[in-house]
Amino acid sequence: MSTLFAMAFPDELRATEMIEQIAVLKDEGLIVLEDAVIVTKDRAGRVQLHQTHNLQKLGLLGGGGLGLAVGAILGLPLAGAGALLALPLAGSLTGAVGGLLSSKFVDIGIDDSFIRKISEQLQPSSSAIFLMVASVQLDQVLPRLNTEGGTLLHTSLPPDAEARLENAIRLVEAQLRLQAEQER
């Protein structure tokens, strides 16, 4: 079961910095993301959603692969051996276009209307990150994330687990402040 997290930051760049940190942790196998969205709210109060997955590219590739398979399967019985190459390529092209178009209309992952609703709470010149996580090793991930100044807006965790997460975030922030003071 996936867990949803939403965290707000007091400036427009912090959510992008956090997603870069999370990408490293993902590469190390410490977190498995299903979806991630960065939200920025500019000085004028306009909210922009920045998807981290290129859904159109996925639709293009998925549709092209499906079209290629269907063209190969149907090509031989319908047109004989001479069409063995032509029909799979035509099917691939048709599937790619269909996949690209369908990806424009299908929302996969975190619901955009939910993100917009939560993002209305943001102050101007701020940002937020929305994460749909399949699994995470919190004991190893939290100490490596710079959550300073962040506010947990939403989580799908049970209330007791949410309270433990908030406490862990505050503990890590306190440790980071202490380290910074000692380095001065």
N, C-alpha and C. Protein backbone atom coordinates (compact mmCIF):
# COMPACT_ATOMS: atom_id res chain seq x y z
N MET A 1 0.84 -1.18 0.00
CA MET A 1 0.00 0.00 0.00
C MET A 1 0.88 1.25 0.00
N SER A 2 0.54 2.20 -0.80
CA SER A 2 1.30 3.44 -0.92
C SER A 2 0.96 4.40 0.20
N THR A 3 1.94 5.26 0.50
CA THR A 3 1.75 6.31 1.49
C THR A 3 1.98 7.65 0.81
N LEU A 4 1.09 8.58 1.10
CA LEU A 4 1.17 9.91 0.50
C LEU A 4 1.72 10.89 1.53
N PHE A 5 2.68 11.70 1.10
CA PHE A 5 3.26 12.75 1.93
C PHE A 5 3.19 14.06 1.17
N ALA A 6 2.88 15.14 1.89
CA ALA A 6 2.94 16.48 1.32
C ALA A 6 3.64 17.38 2.33
N MET A 7 4.67 18.08 1.87
CA MET A 7 5.45 18.96 2.74
C MET A 7 5.64 20.30 2.06
N ALA A 8 5.42 21.39 2.83
CA ALA A 8 5.56 22.74 2.30
C ALA A 8 6.87 23.35 2.78
N PHE A 9 7.40 24.27 1.97
CA PHE A 9 8.65 24.96 2.28
C PHE A 9 8.46 26.46 2.09
N PRO A 10 9.21 27.28 2.85
CA PRO A 10 9.00 28.73 2.82
C PRO A 10 9.58 29.47 1.61
N ASP A 11 10.17 28.75 0.66
CA ASP A 11 10.65 29.42 -0.55
C ASP A 11 10.38 28.54 -1.76
N GLU A 12 10.57 29.09 -2.95
CA GLU A 12 10.21 28.38 -4.18
C GLU A 12 11.20 27.31 -4.60
N LEU A 13 12.40 27.28 -4.03
CA LEU A 13 13.43 26.33 -4.47
C LEU A 13 13.54 25.08 -3.61
N ARG A 14 13.09 25.13 -2.38
CA ARG A 14 13.33 24.03 -1.44
C ARG A 14 12.73 22.70 -1.89
N ALA A 15 11.54 22.70 -2.48
CA ALA A 15 10.93 21.45 -2.92
C ALA A 15 11.77 20.80 -4.02
N THR A 16 12.32 21.61 -4.92
CA THR A 16 13.19 21.09 -5.98
C THR A 16 14.46 20.50 -5.39
N GLU A 17 15.04 21.18 -4.39
CA GLU A 17 16.23 20.65 -3.72
C GLU A 17 15.92 19.31 -3.06
N MET A 18 14.73 19.21 -2.44
CA MET A 18 14.36 17.96 -1.77
C MET A 18 14.19 16.83 -2.80
N ILE A 19 13.59 17.10 -3.95
CA ILE A 19 13.40 16.02 -4.94
C ILE A 19 14.74 15.56 -5.47
N GLU A 20 15.72 16.45 -5.54
CA GLU A 20 17.07 16.04 -5.95
C GLU A 20 17.69 15.11 -4.91
N GLN A 21 17.48 15.42 -3.62
CA GLN A 21 17.97 14.55 -2.56
C GLN A 21 17.28 13.19 -2.61
N ILE A 22 15.98 13.21 -2.86
CA ILE A 22 15.20 11.97 -2.91
C ILE A 22 15.62 11.12 -4.11
N ALA A 23 15.98 11.75 -5.22
CA ALA A 23 16.44 11.00 -6.40
C ALA A 23 17.69 10.19 -6.07
N VAL A 24 18.60 10.76 -5.29
CA VAL A 24 19.80 10.04 -4.89
C VAL A 24 19.42 8.85 -4.01
N LEU A 25 18.51 9.08 -3.06
CA LEU A 25 18.07 8.01 -2.16
C LEU A 25 17.34 6.91 -2.93
N LYS A 26 16.61 7.31 -3.96
CA LYS A 26 15.91 6.34 -4.81
C LYS A 26 16.93 5.47 -5.55
N ASP A 27 17.97 6.10 -6.09
CA ASP A 27 19.02 5.35 -6.79
C ASP A 27 19.72 4.37 -5.86
N GLU A 28 19.79 4.70 -4.58
CA GLU A 28 20.43 3.83 -3.59
C GLU A 28 19.48 2.75 -3.06
N GLY A 29 18.22 2.77 -3.51
CA GLY A 29 17.26 1.76 -3.10
C GLY A 29 16.64 2.00 -1.72
N LEU A 30 16.77 3.21 -1.19
CA LEU A 30 16.24 3.49 0.14
C LEU A 30 14.80 3.98 0.12
N ILE A 31 14.33 4.35 -1.06
CA ILE A 31 12.95 4.80 -1.21
C ILE A 31 12.44 4.36 -2.58
N VAL A 32 11.19 3.92 -2.62
CA VAL A 32 10.56 3.54 -3.88
C VAL A 32 9.40 4.50 -4.10
N LEU A 33 9.54 5.35 -5.10
CA LEU A 33 8.51 6.35 -5.41
C LEU A 33 7.58 5.83 -6.49
N GLU A 34 6.30 6.11 -6.31
CA GLU A 34 5.33 5.85 -7.36
C GLU A 34 5.01 7.12 -8.12
N ASP A 35 5.08 8.26 -7.42
CA ASP A 35 4.83 9.54 -8.07
C ASP A 35 5.42 10.64 -7.19
N ALA A 36 5.80 11.72 -7.81
CA ALA A 36 6.29 12.89 -7.09
C ALA A 36 5.92 14.13 -7.89
N VAL A 37 5.40 15.13 -7.19
CA VAL A 37 5.00 16.38 -7.83
C VAL A 37 5.56 17.53 -7.00
N ILE A 38 6.16 18.49 -7.67
CA ILE A 38 6.64 19.71 -7.03
C ILE A 38 5.63 20.81 -7.36
N VAL A 39 5.28 21.58 -6.35
CA VAL A 39 4.35 22.70 -6.53
C VAL A 39 5.08 23.98 -6.15
N THR A 40 4.95 24.99 -6.98
CA THR A 40 5.48 26.31 -6.64
C THR A 40 4.32 27.30 -6.66
N LYS A 41 4.40 28.25 -5.73
CA LYS A 41 3.43 29.34 -5.70
C LYS A 41 4.23 30.63 -5.78
N ASP A 42 4.04 31.36 -6.87
CA ASP A 42 4.84 32.57 -7.08
C ASP A 42 4.34 33.74 -6.24
N ARG A 43 5.01 34.87 -6.37
CA ARG A 43 4.65 36.07 -5.58
C ARG A 43 3.22 36.50 -5.79
N ALA A 44 2.72 36.31 -7.01
CA ALA A 44 1.35 36.72 -7.34
C ALA A 44 0.32 35.70 -6.85
N GLY A 45 0.77 34.57 -6.31
CA GLY A 45 -0.14 33.56 -5.79
C GLY A 45 -0.56 32.51 -6.81
N ARG A 46 0.09 32.48 -7.98
CA ARG A 46 -0.23 31.48 -9.00
C ARG A 46 0.45 30.16 -8.64
N VAL A 47 -0.33 29.10 -8.66
CA VAL A 47 0.16 27.76 -8.33
C VAL A 47 0.52 27.03 -9.62
N GLN A 48 1.71 26.43 -9.65
CA GLN A 48 2.13 25.62 -10.80
C GLN A 48 2.52 24.24 -10.30
N LEU A 49 2.05 23.21 -11.00
CA LEU A 49 2.40 21.83 -10.70
C LEU A 49 3.48 21.38 -11.66
N HIS A 50 4.52 20.76 -11.13
CA HIS A 50 5.63 20.27 -11.94
C HIS A 50 5.72 18.76 -11.73
N GLN A 51 5.24 18.00 -12.71
CA GLN A 51 5.29 16.54 -12.62
C GLN A 51 6.73 16.08 -12.77
N THR A 52 7.13 15.10 -11.98
CA THR A 52 8.50 14.60 -12.10
C THR A 52 8.61 13.41 -13.04
N HIS A 53 7.47 12.82 -13.42
CA HIS A 53 7.49 11.72 -14.39
C HIS A 53 6.98 12.25 -15.71
N ASN A 54 7.66 11.88 -16.80
CA ASN A 54 7.22 12.31 -18.12
C ASN A 54 6.20 11.31 -18.64
N LEU A 55 4.91 11.56 -18.35
CA LEU A 55 3.85 10.62 -18.70
C LEU A 55 3.68 10.50 -20.20
N GLN A 56 3.92 11.58 -20.94
CA GLN A 56 3.77 11.50 -22.39
C GLN A 56 4.81 10.57 -22.99
N LYS A 57 6.03 10.62 -22.47
CA LYS A 57 7.09 9.73 -22.95
C LYS A 57 6.73 8.27 -22.67
N LEU A 58 6.17 8.02 -21.47
CA LEU A 58 5.76 6.66 -21.14
C LEU A 58 4.64 6.19 -22.06
N GLY A 59 3.68 7.07 -22.35
CA GLY A 59 2.59 6.70 -23.24
C GLY A 59 3.08 6.42 -24.64
N LEU A 60 4.01 7.21 -25.12
CA LEU A 60 4.59 7.03 -26.45
C LEU A 60 5.28 5.67 -26.54
N LEU A 61 6.11 5.36 -25.55
CA LEU A 61 6.84 4.09 -25.57
C LEU A 61 5.90 2.90 -25.40
N GLY A 62 4.97 3.02 -24.46
CA GLY A 62 4.04 1.91 -24.21
C GLY A 62 3.15 1.64 -25.41
N GLY A 63 2.61 2.69 -26.01
CA GLY A 63 1.76 2.53 -27.17
C GLY A 63 2.52 1.99 -28.37
N GLY A 64 3.75 2.45 -28.54
CA GLY A 64 4.57 1.97 -29.65
C GLY A 64 4.88 0.50 -29.51
N GLY A 65 5.21 0.06 -28.32
CA GLY A 65 5.50 -1.36 -28.07
C GLY A 65 4.28 -2.23 -28.31
N LEU A 66 3.13 -1.78 -27.83
CA LEU A 66 1.89 -2.53 -28.03
C LEU A 66 1.55 -2.60 -29.52
N GLY A 67 1.69 -1.47 -30.23
CA GLY A 67 1.40 -1.45 -31.67
C GLY A 67 2.32 -2.37 -32.43
N LEU A 68 3.59 -2.41 -32.06
CA LEU A 68 4.55 -3.30 -32.71
C LEU A 68 4.15 -4.76 -32.52
N ALA A 69 3.77 -5.12 -31.31
CA ALA A 69 3.37 -6.51 -31.03
C ALA A 69 2.12 -6.89 -31.81
N VAL A 70 1.11 -6.02 -31.80
CA VAL A 70 -0.13 -6.32 -32.52
C VAL A 70 0.14 -6.40 -34.02
N GLY A 71 0.95 -5.49 -34.55
CA GLY A 71 1.28 -5.52 -35.98
C GLY A 71 2.01 -6.80 -36.36
N ALA A 72 2.90 -7.27 -35.50
CA ALA A 72 3.64 -8.51 -35.78
C ALA A 72 2.72 -9.72 -35.75
N ILE A 73 1.80 -9.75 -34.78
CA ILE A 73 0.89 -10.89 -34.65
C ILE A 73 -0.10 -10.94 -35.79
N LEU A 74 -0.68 -9.80 -36.13
CA LEU A 74 -1.71 -9.77 -37.17
C LEU A 74 -1.14 -9.65 -38.58
N GLY A 75 0.07 -9.17 -38.70
CA GLY A 75 0.65 -8.91 -40.02
C GLY A 75 0.80 -10.15 -40.87
N LEU A 76 1.30 -11.22 -40.32
CA LEU A 76 1.57 -12.43 -41.09
C LEU A 76 0.29 -13.09 -41.59
N PRO A 77 -0.72 -13.33 -40.73
CA PRO A 77 -1.93 -13.99 -41.25
C PRO A 77 -2.71 -13.15 -42.25
N LEU A 78 -2.70 -11.82 -42.09
CA LEU A 78 -3.52 -10.97 -42.95
C LEU A 78 -2.88 -10.70 -44.31
N ALA A 79 -1.59 -10.49 -44.35
CA ALA A 79 -0.97 -10.05 -45.59
C ALA A 79 0.15 -10.96 -46.08
N GLY A 80 0.43 -12.01 -45.36
CA GLY A 80 1.46 -12.93 -45.80
C GLY A 80 2.85 -12.48 -45.39
N ALA A 81 3.84 -13.23 -45.82
CA ALA A 81 5.22 -12.99 -45.41
C ALA A 81 5.76 -11.66 -45.90
N GLY A 82 5.25 -11.11 -47.01
CA GLY A 82 5.73 -9.85 -47.55
C GLY A 82 5.46 -8.66 -46.63
N ALA A 83 4.44 -8.79 -45.79
CA ALA A 83 4.09 -7.69 -44.90
C ALA A 83 4.69 -7.87 -43.51
N LEU A 84 5.59 -8.80 -43.36
CA LEU A 84 6.16 -9.11 -42.05
C LEU A 84 6.81 -7.88 -41.42
N LEU A 85 7.38 -7.00 -42.22
CA LEU A 85 8.02 -5.80 -41.68
C LEU A 85 7.08 -4.60 -41.71
N ALA A 86 6.29 -4.45 -42.76
CA ALA A 86 5.48 -3.24 -42.93
C ALA A 86 4.39 -3.11 -41.87
N LEU A 87 3.64 -4.16 -41.60
CA LEU A 87 2.54 -4.04 -40.65
C LEU A 87 3.01 -3.83 -39.22
N PRO A 88 4.06 -4.50 -38.74
CA PRO A 88 4.52 -4.19 -37.37
C PRO A 88 4.97 -2.74 -37.23
N LEU A 89 5.64 -2.21 -38.25
CA LEU A 89 6.08 -0.81 -38.17
C LEU A 89 4.89 0.13 -38.19
N ALA A 90 3.91 -0.14 -39.01
CA ALA A 90 2.69 0.68 -39.04
C ALA A 90 1.95 0.58 -37.71
N GLY A 91 1.89 -0.64 -37.17
CA GLY A 91 1.24 -0.82 -35.86
C GLY A 91 1.99 -0.09 -34.76
N SER A 92 3.31 -0.11 -34.83
CA SER A 92 4.12 0.59 -33.84
C SER A 92 3.86 2.09 -33.89
N LEU A 93 3.82 2.65 -35.08
CA LEU A 93 3.57 4.08 -35.24
C LEU A 93 2.17 4.44 -34.73
N THR A 94 1.17 3.64 -35.09
CA THR A 94 -0.20 3.90 -34.64
C THR A 94 -0.29 3.80 -33.12
N GLY A 95 0.33 2.78 -32.56
CA GLY A 95 0.31 2.61 -31.10
C GLY A 95 1.02 3.75 -30.38
N ALA A 96 2.13 4.20 -30.94
CA ALA A 96 2.88 5.31 -30.31
C ALA A 96 2.03 6.57 -30.28
N VAL A 97 1.37 6.88 -31.38
CA VAL A 97 0.52 8.07 -31.43
C VAL A 97 -0.65 7.91 -30.45
N GLY A 98 -1.25 6.73 -30.42
CA GLY A 98 -2.34 6.49 -29.47
C GLY A 98 -1.88 6.60 -28.02
N GLY A 99 -0.72 6.05 -27.72
CA GLY A 99 -0.17 6.15 -26.37
C GLY A 99 0.12 7.58 -25.97
N LEU A 100 0.67 8.35 -26.90
CA LEU A 100 0.97 9.75 -26.63
C LEU A 100 -0.31 10.53 -26.35
N LEU A 101 -1.32 10.33 -27.18
CA LEU A 101 -2.59 11.04 -26.98
C LEU A 101 -3.27 10.63 -25.68
N SER A 102 -3.27 9.33 -25.36
CA SER A 102 -3.94 8.89 -24.13
C SER A 102 -3.23 9.41 -22.90
N SER A 103 -1.91 9.56 -22.95
CA SER A 103 -1.17 10.06 -21.78
C SER A 103 -1.52 11.52 -21.49
N LYS A 104 -2.01 12.24 -22.50
CA LYS A 104 -2.43 13.63 -22.29
C LYS A 104 -3.70 13.70 -21.45
N PHE A 105 -4.51 12.63 -21.47
CA PHE A 105 -5.82 12.67 -20.84
C PHE A 105 -5.92 11.79 -19.60
N VAL A 106 -4.92 11.02 -19.29
CA VAL A 106 -4.97 10.11 -18.14
C VAL A 106 -4.03 10.63 -17.07
N ASP A 107 -4.55 10.77 -15.84
CA ASP A 107 -3.74 11.23 -14.72
C ASP A 107 -3.34 10.01 -13.91
N ILE A 108 -2.06 9.70 -13.90
CA ILE A 108 -1.55 8.56 -13.16
C ILE A 108 -0.87 9.09 -11.92
N GLY A 109 -1.13 8.47 -10.78
CA GLY A 109 -0.44 8.88 -9.56
C GLY A 109 -1.30 9.76 -8.69
N ILE A 110 -0.69 10.77 -8.11
CA ILE A 110 -1.37 11.66 -7.18
C ILE A 110 -2.36 12.53 -7.95
N ASP A 111 -3.56 12.61 -7.46
CA ASP A 111 -4.63 13.36 -8.10
C ASP A 111 -4.32 14.85 -8.13
N ASP A 112 -4.30 15.45 -9.32
CA ASP A 112 -3.97 16.87 -9.47
C ASP A 112 -4.94 17.78 -8.73
N SER A 113 -6.22 17.42 -8.69
CA SER A 113 -7.18 18.28 -7.98
C SER A 113 -6.90 18.27 -6.48
N PHE A 114 -6.48 17.13 -5.93
CA PHE A 114 -6.09 17.07 -4.52
C PHE A 114 -4.87 17.96 -4.28
N ILE A 115 -3.89 17.87 -5.17
CA ILE A 115 -2.67 18.68 -5.04
C ILE A 115 -3.03 20.17 -5.07
N ARG A 116 -3.88 20.56 -6.00
CA ARG A 116 -4.26 21.98 -6.10
C ARG A 116 -5.00 22.44 -4.85
N LYS A 117 -5.87 21.60 -4.32
CA LYS A 117 -6.63 21.94 -3.11
C LYS A 117 -5.69 22.18 -1.93
N ILE A 118 -4.76 21.27 -1.71
CA ILE A 118 -3.80 21.40 -0.62
C ILE A 118 -2.87 22.59 -0.87
N SER A 119 -2.50 22.82 -2.13
CA SER A 119 -1.55 23.88 -2.48
C SER A 119 -2.12 25.27 -2.27
N GLU A 120 -3.43 25.40 -2.21
CA GLU A 120 -4.04 26.71 -1.95
C GLU A 120 -3.63 27.24 -0.58
N GLN A 121 -3.22 26.34 0.34
CA GLN A 121 -2.78 26.74 1.68
C GLN A 121 -1.39 27.39 1.66
N LEU A 122 -0.66 27.19 0.58
CA LEU A 122 0.71 27.72 0.51
C LEU A 122 0.71 29.25 0.50
N GLN A 123 1.73 29.81 1.10
CA GLN A 123 1.95 31.25 1.05
C GLN A 123 2.60 31.61 -0.29
N PRO A 124 2.44 32.83 -0.76
CA PRO A 124 3.15 33.24 -1.98
C PRO A 124 4.67 33.07 -1.80
N SER A 125 5.36 32.82 -2.90
CA SER A 125 6.81 32.59 -2.93
C SER A 125 7.22 31.39 -2.08
N SER A 126 6.48 30.31 -2.22
CA SER A 126 6.80 29.09 -1.48
C SER A 126 6.69 27.88 -2.41
N SER A 127 6.96 26.70 -1.87
CA SER A 127 6.88 25.48 -2.66
C SER A 127 6.43 24.33 -1.78
N ALA A 128 6.09 23.23 -2.43
CA ALA A 128 5.70 22.02 -1.71
C ALA A 128 6.09 20.82 -2.56
N ILE A 129 6.21 19.69 -1.88
CA ILE A 129 6.49 18.45 -2.58
C ILE A 129 5.43 17.43 -2.15
N PHE A 130 4.91 16.71 -3.12
CA PHE A 130 3.93 15.65 -2.88
C PHE A 130 4.58 14.35 -3.33
N LEU A 131 4.63 13.38 -2.45
CA LEU A 131 5.27 12.10 -2.74
C LEU A 131 4.29 10.96 -2.51
N MET A 132 4.19 10.06 -3.47
CA MET A 132 3.48 8.81 -3.28
C MET A 132 4.56 7.74 -3.20
N VAL A 133 4.71 7.16 -2.02
CA VAL A 133 5.82 6.27 -1.72
C VAL A 133 5.32 4.85 -1.54
N ALA A 134 5.94 3.92 -2.25
CA ALA A 134 5.59 2.50 -2.10
C ALA A 134 6.30 1.92 -0.88
N SER A 135 7.57 2.29 -0.69
CA SER A 135 8.31 1.86 0.49
C SER A 135 9.44 2.83 0.76
N VAL A 136 9.82 2.92 2.03
CA VAL A 136 10.88 3.84 2.44
C VAL A 136 11.52 3.31 3.70
N GLN A 137 12.82 3.47 3.78
CA GLN A 137 13.56 3.13 5.00
C GLN A 137 13.78 4.43 5.76
N LEU A 138 12.75 4.84 6.53
CA LEU A 138 12.76 6.15 7.19
C LEU A 138 13.97 6.36 8.07
N ASP A 139 14.41 5.33 8.76
CA ASP A 139 15.56 5.49 9.66
C ASP A 139 16.82 5.90 8.91
N GLN A 140 16.93 5.53 7.64
CA GLN A 140 18.09 5.91 6.84
C GLN A 140 17.83 7.15 5.97
N VAL A 141 16.57 7.38 5.63
CA VAL A 141 16.24 8.49 4.73
C VAL A 141 16.14 9.82 5.47
N LEU A 142 15.42 9.87 6.58
CA LEU A 142 15.21 11.14 7.28
C LEU A 142 16.50 11.88 7.64
N PRO A 143 17.51 11.19 8.18
CA PRO A 143 18.73 11.94 8.52
C PRO A 143 19.43 12.56 7.32
N ARG A 144 19.16 12.06 6.14
CA ARG A 144 19.84 12.56 4.94
C ARG A 144 19.05 13.62 4.20
N LEU A 145 17.81 13.85 4.60
CA LEU A 145 16.99 14.87 3.95
C LEU A 145 17.08 16.16 4.75
N ASN A 146 17.23 17.25 4.04
CA ASN A 146 17.23 18.55 4.69
C ASN A 146 15.80 19.06 4.71
N THR A 147 15.09 18.75 5.80
CA THR A 147 13.69 19.15 5.92
C THR A 147 13.53 20.46 6.68
N GLU A 148 14.64 21.11 6.99
CA GLU A 148 14.58 22.33 7.80
C GLU A 148 13.66 23.36 7.17
N GLY A 149 12.78 23.89 7.98
CA GLY A 149 11.83 24.88 7.52
C GLY A 149 10.60 24.27 6.88
N GLY A 150 10.60 22.95 6.70
CA GLY A 150 9.46 22.28 6.08
C GLY A 150 8.34 22.04 7.06
N THR A 151 7.12 22.03 6.54
CA THR A 151 5.94 21.76 7.34
C THR A 151 5.18 20.62 6.69
N LEU A 152 4.90 19.58 7.45
CA LEU A 152 4.14 18.46 6.93
C LEU A 152 2.69 18.91 6.75
N LEU A 153 2.22 18.93 5.50
CA LEU A 153 0.85 19.37 5.20
C LEU A 153 -0.14 18.23 5.28
N HIS A 154 0.28 17.06 4.80
CA HIS A 154 -0.65 15.93 4.70
C HIS A 154 0.13 14.63 4.64
N THR A 155 -0.44 13.60 5.21
CA THR A 155 0.08 12.25 5.04
C THR A 155 -1.09 11.28 5.16
N SER A 156 -0.97 10.15 4.51
CA SER A 156 -2.00 9.13 4.62
C SER A 156 -1.67 8.11 5.71
N LEU A 157 -0.65 8.41 6.50
CA LEU A 157 -0.29 7.55 7.62
C LEU A 157 -1.36 7.63 8.70
N PRO A 158 -1.49 6.57 9.51
CA PRO A 158 -2.38 6.65 10.68
C PRO A 158 -1.88 7.75 11.62
N PRO A 159 -2.76 8.35 12.42
CA PRO A 159 -2.35 9.48 13.28
C PRO A 159 -1.14 9.22 14.17
N ASP A 160 -1.02 8.04 14.75
CA ASP A 160 0.13 7.78 15.62
C ASP A 160 1.43 7.72 14.82
N ALA A 161 1.38 7.14 13.63
CA ALA A 161 2.58 7.08 12.77
C ALA A 161 2.92 8.47 12.26
N GLU A 162 1.91 9.28 11.97
CA GLU A 162 2.15 10.65 11.52
C GLU A 162 2.84 11.45 12.63
N ALA A 163 2.40 11.28 13.86
CA ALA A 163 3.02 11.99 14.98
C ALA A 163 4.48 11.56 15.14
N ARG A 164 4.76 10.26 14.99
CA ARG A 164 6.14 9.78 15.07
C ARG A 164 6.99 10.36 13.95
N LEU A 165 6.42 10.45 12.75
CA LEU A 165 7.14 11.04 11.61
C LEU A 165 7.46 12.51 11.88
N GLU A 166 6.47 13.27 12.34
CA GLU A 166 6.71 14.68 12.63
C GLU A 166 7.78 14.84 13.71
N ASN A 167 7.74 14.00 14.74
CA ASN A 167 8.77 14.05 15.79
C ASN A 167 10.15 13.72 15.22
N ALA A 168 10.20 12.72 14.35
CA ALA A 168 11.49 12.34 13.75
C ALA A 168 12.04 13.47 12.88
N ILE A 169 11.17 14.14 12.14
CA ILE A 169 11.60 15.27 11.31
C ILE A 169 12.16 16.38 12.19
N ARG A 170 11.47 16.71 13.25
CA ARG A 170 11.94 17.77 14.17
C ARG A 170 13.25 17.38 14.84
N LEU A 171 13.41 16.09 15.20
CA LEU A 171 14.65 15.61 15.81
C LEU A 171 15.82 15.77 14.84
N VAL A 172 15.62 15.38 13.59
CA VAL A 172 16.67 15.51 12.58
C VAL A 172 17.02 16.99 12.38
N GLU A 173 16.01 17.85 12.34
CA GLU A 173 16.27 19.29 12.19
C GLU A 173 17.09 19.81 13.36
N ALA A 174 16.77 19.38 14.57
CA ALA A 174 17.51 19.83 15.75
C ALA A 174 18.97 19.35 15.68
N GLN A 175 19.16 18.11 15.24
CA GLN A 175 20.52 17.59 15.10
C GLN A 175 21.31 18.36 14.05
N LEU A 176 20.67 18.71 12.95
CA LEU A 176 21.34 19.49 11.90
C LEU A 176 21.71 20.88 12.40
N ARG A 177 20.82 21.52 13.17
CA ARG A 177 21.13 22.85 13.73
C ARG A 177 22.30 22.76 14.70
N LEU A 178 22.31 21.71 15.53
CA LEU A 178 23.39 21.52 16.50
C LEU A 178 24.72 21.31 15.78
N GLN A 179 24.73 20.49 14.73
CA GLN A 179 25.95 20.27 13.95
C GLN A 179 26.45 21.57 13.33
N ALA A 180 25.52 22.36 12.80
CA ALA A 180 25.90 23.63 12.17
C ALA A 180 26.50 24.58 13.19
N GLU A 181 25.95 24.61 14.38
CA GLU A 181 26.48 25.47 15.43
C GLU A 181 27.88 25.02 15.86
N GLN A 182 28.08 23.71 15.95
CA GLN A 182 29.37 23.18 16.37
C GLN A 182 30.46 23.43 15.32
N GLU A 183 30.07 23.50 14.05
CA GLU A 183 31.03 23.73 12.97
C GLU A 183 31.46 25.18 12.90
N ARG A 184 30.73 26.08 13.54
CA ARG A 184 31.08 27.51 13.50
C ARG A 184 32.19 27.80 14.40
